[in-house]
Amino acid sequence: MQAVKIRSTELVKGFRQSAPYVNAHRGKTMVIMLGGEGIADKNFPNIISDLALLHSLGVRIVLVYGARPQINNLLTIHGHETPHHNGIRVTDETALNLVMQAAGQLQLAITARLSMSMNNTPMAGNKLNIVSGNFVIAQPLGIDTGVDYCHSGRIRRIDIEGINRILEQDSIVLLGPIASSVTGECFNLLSEEISTQVAIRLKADKLIGFCSEQGIINEHGNAIAELFPAEVESLIVHRETSQKPEQEDTTGTLRFLRASVSACRAGVPRSHLVSYKVDGALIQELFSFDGIGTQVVTAQTEQVRQAHIDDIGGIFDLILPLEEKGILVRRSREQLEQEIHNFSVIDKDGLIIGCAALYPYRDEKMAEMACVAIHTDYRDGHRGLVLLEHMKYEAKKQELEKLFVLTTQSLHWFREQGFTEAGVSALPVTKQHLYNYQRRSKILVLEL
């Protein structure tokens, strides 16, 4: 009787602890990256059951599967070798047929397992639709330093609208490593590239991967709960340099680390890495206070602040490429030094990844937002909107009533933020005299 009470107490405690996460994850989009190693493991049926459970709790799921070990096995059986170049398999015609065979078998196995998983639960009878299709369009990698990749390819485009439409119909989207091109050919793609790019372009809430260990293990044998992208990059360099050239990462850890950095840099808030060997690892990671694996998160030290003289170099490096393309008006280092008090920057771990300047015209109660720039690695993270909100706040503090911009490239973005087009006469008088009619910049105004 005592044992029953203890188990009941633990059940209630766990259920109560998970309740906030059930609400938090409902309606969220998660891209799951499941390598062929995880599919081959004896815990694979439990992973699929957990994915079905997530779906039943209202999570929008895109499952991207890999097939490396299955492909390698078929190649060995048929006595066919495929060289690798820069870590990518060279997929000739013979290899492509075997890759398609392996990928097709896994697609059917996953679909069958997802179809039956609900029947063994109290949710039996609920429909679980799995949809695969031509959501990813490929193109050939081509030839690199004399090496022809043949049927190894990369992403050309992704039908994000189509994926969203399927997710809105309460179905799971299943994507594999084979994609067709606009010419009707098939190409072998990296599953981690598909996972990363789908997560980024879907604006997914999470990217989740599986490896043989319980996340990233420290020197004490414990999983590191949280890592920032800069820490992950150092870890990648360490693992790459300590790995022998002929070795291949068979656990999925290194592949996921690279994917998580790209996803995080592009605005995916959380990337989780858990073990495919541990039953319930995914559920424990997502629905418990402490988690069980490793998550990669956007650095918390990112902040918008007033620029100071030591930021000149960072700002100059940020705006120079845009000036060379004619997107921004050229500013000398001396001019930046004189106007540094007008600038605000986004500081990320000491790196200047964004900037904007505010030039007030107090007589007309207006201010110009100018020199807006975001580092190329961080342009998908809504940081332009963060800078705009900061500029609006600063202008209101100065009791100004309007904010205006002059742009040649970002007309639609500013219109989406509430700006309206105006003529030169809408500018402050002194600015009207400085307007460059050769650049023909669009003038947009926002009422504060």
Protein backbone atom coordinates (compact mmCIF):
# COMPACT_ATOMS: atom_id res chain seq x y z
CA MET A 1 0.00 0.00 0.00
CA GLN A 2 2.84 2.36 0.85
CA ALA A 3 4.49 1.72 -2.53
CA VAL A 4 1.25 2.57 -4.32
CA LYS A 5 1.00 5.89 -2.45
CA ILE A 6 4.59 6.78 -3.37
CA ARG A 7 4.00 6.02 -7.04
CA SER A 8 0.75 8.03 -7.00
CA THR A 9 2.51 11.00 -5.41
CA GLU A 10 5.29 10.91 -8.02
CA LEU A 11 2.72 10.69 -10.81
CA VAL A 12 0.77 13.69 -9.52
CA LYS A 13 3.96 15.69 -8.94
CA GLY A 14 5.22 14.95 -12.45
CA PHE A 15 1.84 15.76 -13.99
CA ARG A 16 1.64 19.09 -12.16
CA GLN A 17 5.19 19.95 -13.15
CA SER A 18 4.51 19.25 -16.82
CA ALA A 19 1.25 21.25 -17.00
CA PRO A 20 2.88 24.66 -17.70
CA TYR A 21 4.90 23.12 -20.53
CA VAL A 22 1.82 21.52 -22.06
CA ASN A 23 0.29 24.99 -22.34
CA ALA A 24 3.56 26.58 -23.46
CA HIS A 25 4.17 24.07 -26.28
CA ARG A 26 0.60 23.95 -27.61
CA GLY A 27 0.47 25.48 -31.09
CA LYS A 28 4.26 25.72 -31.32
CA THR A 29 6.23 24.47 -34.32
CA MET A 30 9.02 21.97 -33.74
CA VAL A 31 11.35 20.55 -36.38
CA ILE A 32 12.60 17.11 -35.32
CA MET A 33 15.92 15.92 -36.78
CA LEU A 34 16.07 12.09 -36.46
CA GLY A 35 19.12 10.44 -37.99
CA GLY A 36 19.25 6.91 -39.30
CA GLU A 37 21.14 5.87 -36.17
CA GLY A 38 18.11 6.67 -34.07
CA ILE A 39 15.78 4.82 -36.43
CA ALA A 40 18.02 1.72 -36.23
CA ASP A 41 18.07 1.79 -32.41
CA LYS A 42 15.74 -0.44 -30.38
CA ASN A 43 14.27 2.70 -28.75
CA PHE A 44 12.93 3.94 -32.10
CA PRO A 45 9.31 2.80 -31.43
CA ASN A 46 9.31 4.81 -28.18
CA ILE A 47 10.59 7.91 -29.98
CA ILE A 48 7.77 7.63 -32.51
CA SER A 49 5.22 7.17 -29.71
CA ASP A 50 6.53 10.31 -28.03
CA LEU A 51 6.20 12.25 -31.29
CA ALA A 52 2.60 11.07 -31.56
CA LEU A 53 2.05 12.23 -27.99
CA LEU A 54 3.49 15.65 -28.78
CA HIS A 55 1.17 15.90 -31.76
CA SER A 56 -1.83 15.02 -29.59
CA LEU A 57 -0.87 17.87 -27.25
CA GLY A 58 -1.15 20.39 -30.08
CA VAL A 59 2.50 20.62 -31.18
CA ARG A 60 3.04 21.24 -34.91
CA ILE A 61 5.66 18.69 -35.99
CA VAL A 62 7.94 18.49 -39.00
CA LEU A 63 9.97 15.27 -38.84
CA VAL A 64 13.13 15.15 -40.97
CA TYR A 65 14.80 11.76 -41.09
CA GLY A 66 18.28 10.72 -42.20
CA ALA A 67 19.47 7.39 -43.56
CA ARG A 68 23.29 7.30 -43.35
CA PRO A 69 23.75 3.89 -41.69
CA GLN A 70 21.02 2.31 -43.82
CA ILE A 71 22.64 3.70 -46.99
CA ASN A 72 26.07 2.51 -45.90
CA ASN A 73 24.66 -0.95 -45.22
CA LEU A 74 23.09 -1.23 -48.67
CA LEU A 75 26.29 0.00 -50.33
CA THR A 76 28.27 -2.66 -48.47
CA ILE A 77 25.81 -5.40 -49.44
CA HIS A 78 26.08 -4.41 -53.10
CA GLY A 79 29.85 -3.96 -52.93
CA HIS A 80 29.67 -0.36 -54.09
CA GLU A 81 31.92 2.34 -52.62
CA THR A 82 31.17 6.07 -52.67
CA PRO A 83 33.95 8.56 -51.96
CA HIS A 84 33.36 11.60 -49.77
CA HIS A 85 34.49 15.13 -50.60
CA ASN A 86 34.38 17.84 -47.93
CA GLY A 87 32.34 15.48 -45.77
CA ILE A 88 29.67 14.96 -48.44
CA ARG A 89 28.98 11.66 -50.18
CA VAL A 90 29.53 11.63 -53.94
CA THR A 91 26.30 10.01 -55.12
CA ASP A 92 26.70 8.39 -58.52
CA GLU A 93 23.86 6.71 -60.44
CA THR A 94 24.30 3.33 -58.72
CA ALA A 95 24.52 4.92 -55.27
CA LEU A 96 21.45 7.06 -55.95
CA ASN A 97 19.30 3.99 -56.55
CA LEU A 98 20.45 2.52 -53.23
CA VAL A 99 19.97 5.85 -51.42
CA MET A 100 16.42 6.07 -52.78
CA GLN A 101 15.78 2.49 -51.69
CA ALA A 102 17.01 3.16 -48.13
CA ALA A 103 15.13 6.47 -47.84
CA GLY A 104 11.92 4.96 -49.23
CA GLN A 105 12.02 2.05 -46.80
CA LEU A 106 12.53 4.41 -43.85
CA GLN A 107 9.68 6.66 -44.99
CA LEU A 108 7.32 3.69 -45.06
CA ALA A 109 8.60 2.38 -41.70
CA ILE A 110 8.14 5.76 -40.00
CA THR A 111 4.69 6.27 -41.53
CA ALA A 112 3.59 2.78 -40.46
CA ARG A 113 4.91 3.25 -36.93
CA LEU A 114 3.22 6.65 -36.56
CA SER A 115 -0.03 5.17 -37.88
CA MET A 116 -0.09 2.42 -35.27
CA SER A 117 1.32 4.29 -32.28
CA MET A 118 -2.03 5.83 -31.30
CA ASN A 119 -3.75 2.44 -31.31
CA ASN A 120 -1.79 1.30 -28.29
CA THR A 121 -2.84 4.26 -26.15
CA PRO A 122 -6.04 5.67 -24.63
CA MET A 123 -6.10 7.98 -27.68
CA ALA A 124 -6.93 5.03 -29.95
CA GLY A 125 -9.30 6.07 -32.69
CA ASN A 126 -7.78 9.53 -33.12
CA LYS A 127 -6.63 10.15 -36.66
CA LEU A 128 -2.95 10.91 -37.20
CA ASN A 129 -2.17 12.00 -40.76
CA ILE A 130 1.41 11.93 -42.03
CA VAL A 131 2.12 13.88 -45.21
CA SER A 132 5.24 13.62 -47.38
CA GLY A 133 5.61 15.53 -50.61
CA ASN A 134 7.74 17.68 -52.83
CA PHE A 135 8.10 20.46 -50.26
CA VAL A 136 11.87 20.67 -50.84
CA ILE A 137 13.19 21.41 -54.33
CA ALA A 138 16.84 20.48 -54.91
CA GLN A 139 19.63 21.49 -57.22
CA PRO A 140 22.97 19.77 -57.89
CA LEU A 141 26.06 20.62 -55.87
CA GLY A 142 27.95 20.50 -59.13
CA ILE A 143 31.72 20.21 -59.37
CA ASP A 144 34.18 21.34 -56.69
CA THR A 145 37.95 21.37 -57.35
CA GLY A 146 37.51 18.78 -60.05
CA VAL A 147 35.22 16.50 -58.01
CA ASP A 148 31.77 15.94 -59.50
CA TYR A 149 29.19 15.39 -56.75
CA CYS A 150 26.89 13.75 -59.33
CA HIS A 151 23.49 13.28 -57.63
CA SER A 152 24.42 14.93 -54.33
CA GLY A 153 22.52 18.18 -54.06
CA ARG A 154 21.51 21.13 -51.96
CA ILE A 155 18.30 23.01 -51.30
CA ARG A 156 17.06 25.32 -54.01
CA ARG A 157 13.80 26.31 -52.35
CA ILE A 158 11.33 25.13 -49.74
CA ASP A 159 7.55 25.33 -50.05
CA ILE A 160 6.97 26.90 -46.64
CA GLU A 161 3.36 27.83 -47.49
CA GLY A 162 2.65 24.21 -48.36
CA ILE A 163 4.21 22.93 -45.14
CA ASN A 164 2.25 25.43 -43.08
CA ARG A 165 -0.94 24.43 -44.86
CA ILE A 166 -0.39 20.78 -43.91
CA LEU A 167 0.47 21.69 -40.31
CA GLU A 168 -2.69 23.77 -40.06
CA GLN A 169 -4.65 20.68 -41.12
CA ASP A 170 -3.36 18.97 -37.96
CA SER A 171 -1.01 16.63 -39.84
CA ILE A 172 2.64 15.72 -39.33
CA VAL A 173 4.99 16.64 -42.18
CA LEU A 174 7.59 13.96 -42.96
CA LEU A 175 10.68 14.92 -44.98
CA GLY A 176 13.50 12.65 -46.11
CA PRO A 177 16.98 13.13 -47.60
CA ILE A 178 15.83 12.73 -51.22
CA ALA A 179 14.45 15.72 -53.13
CA SER A 180 13.66 16.33 -56.77
CA SER A 181 14.74 19.23 -58.96
CA VAL A 182 12.79 21.39 -61.39
CA THR A 183 14.19 19.17 -64.19
CA GLY A 184 12.73 16.02 -62.62
CA GLU A 185 16.00 14.59 -61.33
CA CYS A 186 16.50 13.21 -57.80
CA PHE A 187 19.27 14.35 -55.47
CA ASN A 188 20.69 13.14 -52.19
CA LEU A 189 20.63 15.97 -49.61
CA LEU A 190 22.01 16.32 -46.11
CA SER A 191 19.16 15.76 -43.65
CA GLU A 192 20.70 18.27 -41.24
CA GLU A 193 20.65 20.95 -43.94
CA ILE A 194 16.97 20.24 -44.59
CA SER A 195 16.19 20.34 -40.85
CA THR A 196 18.04 23.61 -40.32
CA GLN A 197 16.64 25.45 -43.31
CA VAL A 198 13.07 24.27 -42.70
CA ALA A 199 13.33 25.38 -39.04
CA ILE A 200 14.68 28.78 -40.05
CA ARG A 201 12.22 29.46 -42.84
CA LEU A 202 9.25 28.13 -40.88
CA LYS A 203 10.31 30.38 -37.98
CA ALA A 204 10.08 27.26 -35.83
CA ASP A 205 10.06 27.54 -32.06
CA LYS A 206 12.44 24.62 -31.64
CA LEU A 207 14.90 22.46 -33.53
CA ILE A 208 15.33 19.06 -31.86
CA GLY A 209 18.03 16.50 -32.59
CA PHE A 210 19.06 13.07 -31.34
CA CYS A 211 22.49 11.60 -30.61
CA SER A 212 23.89 8.52 -28.89
CA GLU A 213 24.63 10.37 -25.64
CA GLN A 214 22.35 12.45 -23.44
CA GLY A 215 23.25 15.77 -25.03
CA ILE A 216 26.71 17.31 -24.70
CA ILE A 217 28.62 15.60 -21.90
CA ASN A 218 31.14 17.51 -19.75
CA GLU A 219 34.35 16.21 -18.17
CA HIS A 220 32.37 14.95 -15.17
CA GLY A 221 30.12 12.79 -17.33
CA ASN A 222 27.05 15.02 -16.94
CA ALA A 223 24.94 16.61 -19.67
CA ILE A 224 25.53 20.35 -20.12
CA ALA A 225 22.09 21.89 -19.71
CA GLU A 226 22.58 25.05 -21.76
CA LEU A 227 25.05 26.40 -24.29
CA PHE A 228 25.28 29.67 -26.20
CA PRO A 229 26.19 29.66 -29.93
CA ALA A 230 29.71 31.00 -29.29
CA GLU A 231 30.34 28.14 -26.85
CA VAL A 232 29.02 25.63 -29.36
CA GLU A 233 31.32 26.99 -32.07
CA SER A 234 34.33 26.47 -29.79
CA LEU A 235 33.12 22.96 -29.05
CA ILE A 236 32.78 22.22 -32.76
CA VAL A 237 36.34 23.39 -33.45
CA HIS A 238 37.65 21.24 -30.59
CA ARG A 239 35.80 18.14 -31.81
CA GLU A 240 36.82 18.66 -35.43
CA THR A 241 40.49 19.08 -34.58
CA SER A 242 40.52 16.07 -32.25
CA GLN A 243 38.74 13.85 -34.80
CA LYS A 244 40.88 11.92 -37.27
CA PRO A 245 40.33 12.84 -40.95
CA GLU A 246 39.03 9.36 -41.84
CA GLN A 247 36.57 9.34 -38.95
CA GLU A 248 32.91 10.15 -39.53
CA ASP A 249 30.63 11.49 -36.84
CA THR A 250 28.29 8.55 -36.42
CA THR A 251 26.43 9.78 -33.35
CA GLY A 252 24.83 12.85 -34.94
CA THR A 253 26.28 15.15 -32.26
CA LEU A 254 28.60 17.18 -34.47
CA ARG A 255 26.04 17.44 -37.23
CA PHE A 256 23.43 18.73 -34.78
CA LEU A 257 25.85 21.24 -33.23
CA ARG A 258 26.50 22.83 -36.61
CA ALA A 259 22.78 22.90 -37.33
CA SER A 260 21.93 24.43 -33.95
CA VAL A 261 24.36 27.32 -34.41
CA SER A 262 22.93 28.16 -37.83
CA ALA A 263 19.38 27.92 -36.51
CA CYS A 264 20.10 30.03 -33.43
CA ARG A 265 21.89 32.71 -35.46
CA ALA A 266 18.85 32.91 -37.75
CA GLY A 267 16.30 33.33 -34.97
CA VAL A 268 15.22 29.84 -33.85
CA PRO A 269 15.02 30.43 -30.06
CA ARG A 270 15.86 26.93 -28.80
CA SER A 271 17.65 23.87 -30.16
CA HIS A 272 17.56 20.70 -28.04
CA LEU A 273 19.80 17.63 -28.21
CA VAL A 274 18.71 14.41 -26.49
CA SER A 275 19.59 10.73 -26.64
CA TYR A 276 17.90 8.32 -29.02
CA LYS A 277 18.83 5.50 -26.66
CA VAL A 278 16.93 6.70 -23.57
CA ASP A 279 13.23 5.96 -23.41
CA GLY A 280 11.25 9.18 -22.93
CA ALA A 281 14.25 11.50 -23.30
CA LEU A 282 12.31 13.87 -25.58
CA ILE A 283 9.37 14.12 -23.16
CA GLN A 284 11.66 14.67 -20.16
CA GLU A 285 13.53 17.40 -22.00
CA LEU A 286 10.42 19.31 -23.03
CA PHE A 287 8.12 18.80 -20.05
CA SER A 288 10.33 19.02 -16.95
CA PHE A 289 11.93 21.92 -15.10
CA ASP A 290 15.51 20.71 -15.43
CA GLY A 291 15.30 18.86 -18.73
CA ILE A 292 17.55 15.92 -19.51
CA GLY A 293 19.67 16.93 -22.52
CA THR A 294 21.43 20.02 -23.85
CA GLN A 295 19.78 23.09 -25.30
CA VAL A 296 21.45 25.74 -27.44
CA VAL A 297 19.96 29.17 -26.85
CA THR A 298 20.45 32.70 -28.12
CA ALA A 299 22.94 34.46 -25.88
CA GLN A 300 21.25 36.38 -23.10
CA THR A 301 23.97 39.03 -23.15
CA GLU A 302 22.53 40.51 -26.37
CA GLN A 303 21.39 44.06 -25.67
CA VAL A 304 20.51 47.35 -27.35
CA ARG A 305 22.49 50.24 -25.90
CA GLN A 306 23.84 53.71 -26.59
CA ALA A 307 26.96 53.55 -28.75
CA HIS A 308 30.29 54.85 -27.44
CA ILE A 309 33.61 55.72 -29.03
CA ASP A 310 34.98 52.17 -28.68
CA ASP A 311 32.18 50.93 -30.97
CA ILE A 312 33.44 52.91 -33.97
CA GLY A 313 35.38 49.98 -35.41
CA GLY A 314 32.44 47.58 -35.06
CA ILE A 315 29.98 50.04 -36.63
CA PHE A 316 32.38 50.82 -39.47
CA ASP A 317 32.83 47.11 -40.28
CA LEU A 318 29.05 46.65 -40.15
CA ILE A 319 28.08 49.45 -42.53
CA LEU A 320 31.02 49.30 -44.97
CA PRO A 321 29.63 46.40 -47.08
CA LEU A 322 26.27 48.20 -47.34
CA GLU A 323 28.01 51.42 -48.34
CA GLU A 324 29.98 49.61 -51.03
CA LYS A 325 26.70 48.29 -52.46
CA GLY A 326 25.21 51.79 -52.42
CA ILE A 327 22.53 50.83 -49.89
CA LEU A 328 23.85 53.28 -47.29
CA VAL A 329 25.36 56.72 -47.79
CA ARG A 330 29.11 56.67 -47.13
CA ARG A 331 30.34 57.88 -43.75
CA SER A 332 33.98 58.41 -42.91
CA ARG A 333 35.45 57.20 -39.63
CA GLU A 334 35.83 60.85 -38.63
CA GLN A 335 32.13 61.48 -39.28
CA LEU A 336 31.22 58.43 -37.22
CA GLU A 337 33.32 59.74 -34.33
CA GLN A 338 31.55 63.11 -34.47
CA GLU A 339 28.08 61.50 -34.63
CA ILE A 340 28.62 58.56 -32.28
CA HIS A 341 26.21 60.08 -29.73
CA ASN A 342 23.42 59.64 -32.30
CA PHE A 343 24.02 55.90 -32.65
CA SER A 344 22.56 52.91 -30.84
CA VAL A 345 23.96 49.41 -31.29
CA ILE A 346 22.99 45.79 -30.69
CA ASP A 347 25.83 44.28 -28.68
CA LYS A 348 26.12 40.49 -28.68
CA ASP A 349 28.96 39.14 -26.56
CA GLY A 350 31.03 42.21 -27.43
CA LEU A 351 30.28 41.95 -31.14
CA ILE A 352 28.36 44.80 -32.78
CA ILE A 353 25.70 43.02 -34.84
CA GLY A 354 23.34 45.92 -35.46
CA CYS A 355 23.25 49.71 -35.44
CA ALA A 356 21.02 52.68 -36.19
CA ALA A 357 21.30 56.43 -35.78
CA LEU A 358 18.72 58.98 -34.66
CA TYR A 359 19.02 62.58 -35.91
CA PRO A 360 16.49 64.90 -34.24
CA TYR A 361 14.96 68.01 -35.84
CA ARG A 362 13.46 69.55 -32.74
CA ASP A 363 11.86 72.60 -34.36
CA GLU A 364 9.69 70.33 -36.52
CA LYS A 365 9.37 67.72 -33.73
CA MET A 366 10.75 65.07 -36.08
CA ALA A 367 13.70 62.69 -36.14
CA GLU A 368 15.43 60.73 -38.87
CA MET A 369 16.26 57.06 -38.35
CA ALA A 370 19.32 56.41 -40.48
CA CYS A 371 22.27 54.09 -41.02
CA VAL A 372 20.27 50.96 -40.12
CA ALA A 373 22.42 47.84 -40.49
CA ILE A 374 22.24 44.26 -39.23
CA HIS A 375 25.10 41.75 -39.46
CA THR A 376 24.48 39.23 -42.26
CA ASP A 377 24.53 36.27 -39.83
CA TYR A 378 21.71 37.75 -37.74
CA ARG A 379 19.20 39.16 -40.22
CA ASP A 380 16.49 36.55 -39.62
CA GLY A 381 16.13 37.27 -35.91
CA HIS A 382 13.82 40.33 -36.04
CA ARG A 383 16.63 42.57 -34.81
CA GLY A 384 15.65 45.33 -37.23
CA LEU A 385 12.33 45.56 -35.40
CA VAL A 386 14.21 45.71 -32.08
CA LEU A 387 16.23 48.68 -33.34
CA LEU A 388 13.09 50.40 -34.64
CA GLU A 389 11.35 50.05 -31.28
CA HIS A 390 14.43 51.46 -29.56
CA MET A 391 14.52 54.43 -31.95
CA LYS A 392 10.83 55.11 -31.36
CA TYR A 393 11.41 55.02 -27.62
CA GLU A 394 14.35 57.44 -27.86
CA ALA A 395 12.37 59.83 -30.08
CA LYS A 396 9.41 59.84 -27.70
CA LYS A 397 11.75 60.59 -24.80
CA GLN A 398 12.78 63.74 -26.68
CA GLU A 399 9.08 64.62 -27.12
CA LEU A 400 9.27 64.25 -30.89
CA GLU A 401 6.14 63.40 -32.85
CA LYS A 402 7.34 61.86 -36.11
CA LEU A 403 10.02 59.48 -37.27
CA PHE A 404 11.13 59.41 -40.90
CA VAL A 405 13.49 57.29 -42.99
CA LEU A 406 15.05 57.55 -46.44
CA THR A 407 15.52 54.16 -48.08
CA THR A 408 16.31 52.66 -51.47
CA GLN A 409 16.01 48.97 -50.54
CA SER A 410 13.66 48.47 -47.58
CA LEU A 411 10.46 50.20 -48.65
CA HIS A 412 8.15 47.24 -47.96
CA TRP A 413 9.66 46.44 -44.57
CA PHE A 414 9.11 49.97 -43.28
CA ARG A 415 5.60 50.03 -44.70
CA GLU A 416 4.87 46.81 -42.81
CA GLN A 417 5.94 48.60 -39.61
CA GLY A 418 3.38 51.39 -40.11
CA PHE A 419 5.39 53.95 -42.11
CA THR A 420 3.65 55.76 -44.97
CA GLU A 421 5.23 57.18 -48.12
CA ALA A 422 5.59 60.94 -48.37
CA GLY A 423 7.11 63.57 -50.62
CA VAL A 424 10.19 65.71 -50.11
CA SER A 425 8.00 68.47 -48.69
CA ALA A 426 7.28 66.25 -45.67
CA LEU A 427 10.92 66.47 -44.58
CA PRO A 428 12.30 69.12 -42.23
CA VAL A 429 13.36 72.20 -44.20
CA THR A 430 17.09 71.68 -43.65
CA LYS A 431 16.76 68.05 -44.74
CA GLN A 432 14.86 69.07 -47.89
CA HIS A 433 17.90 71.07 -49.03
CA LEU A 434 20.12 68.00 -48.49
CA TYR A 435 17.87 65.52 -50.31
CA ASN A 436 19.82 63.68 -53.04
CA TYR A 437 17.62 63.52 -56.12
CA GLN A 438 20.09 61.21 -57.88
CA ARG A 439 19.67 58.49 -55.21
CA ARG A 440 15.87 58.92 -55.42
CA SER A 441 15.42 57.51 -51.91
CA LYS A 442 11.87 56.75 -50.83
CA ILE A 443 10.66 58.91 -47.94
CA LEU A 444 8.57 57.21 -45.27
CA VAL A 445 7.07 58.79 -42.17
CA LEU A 446 5.73 57.28 -38.96
CA GLU A 447 3.50 59.11 -36.50
CA LEU A 448 4.68 58.43 -32.94
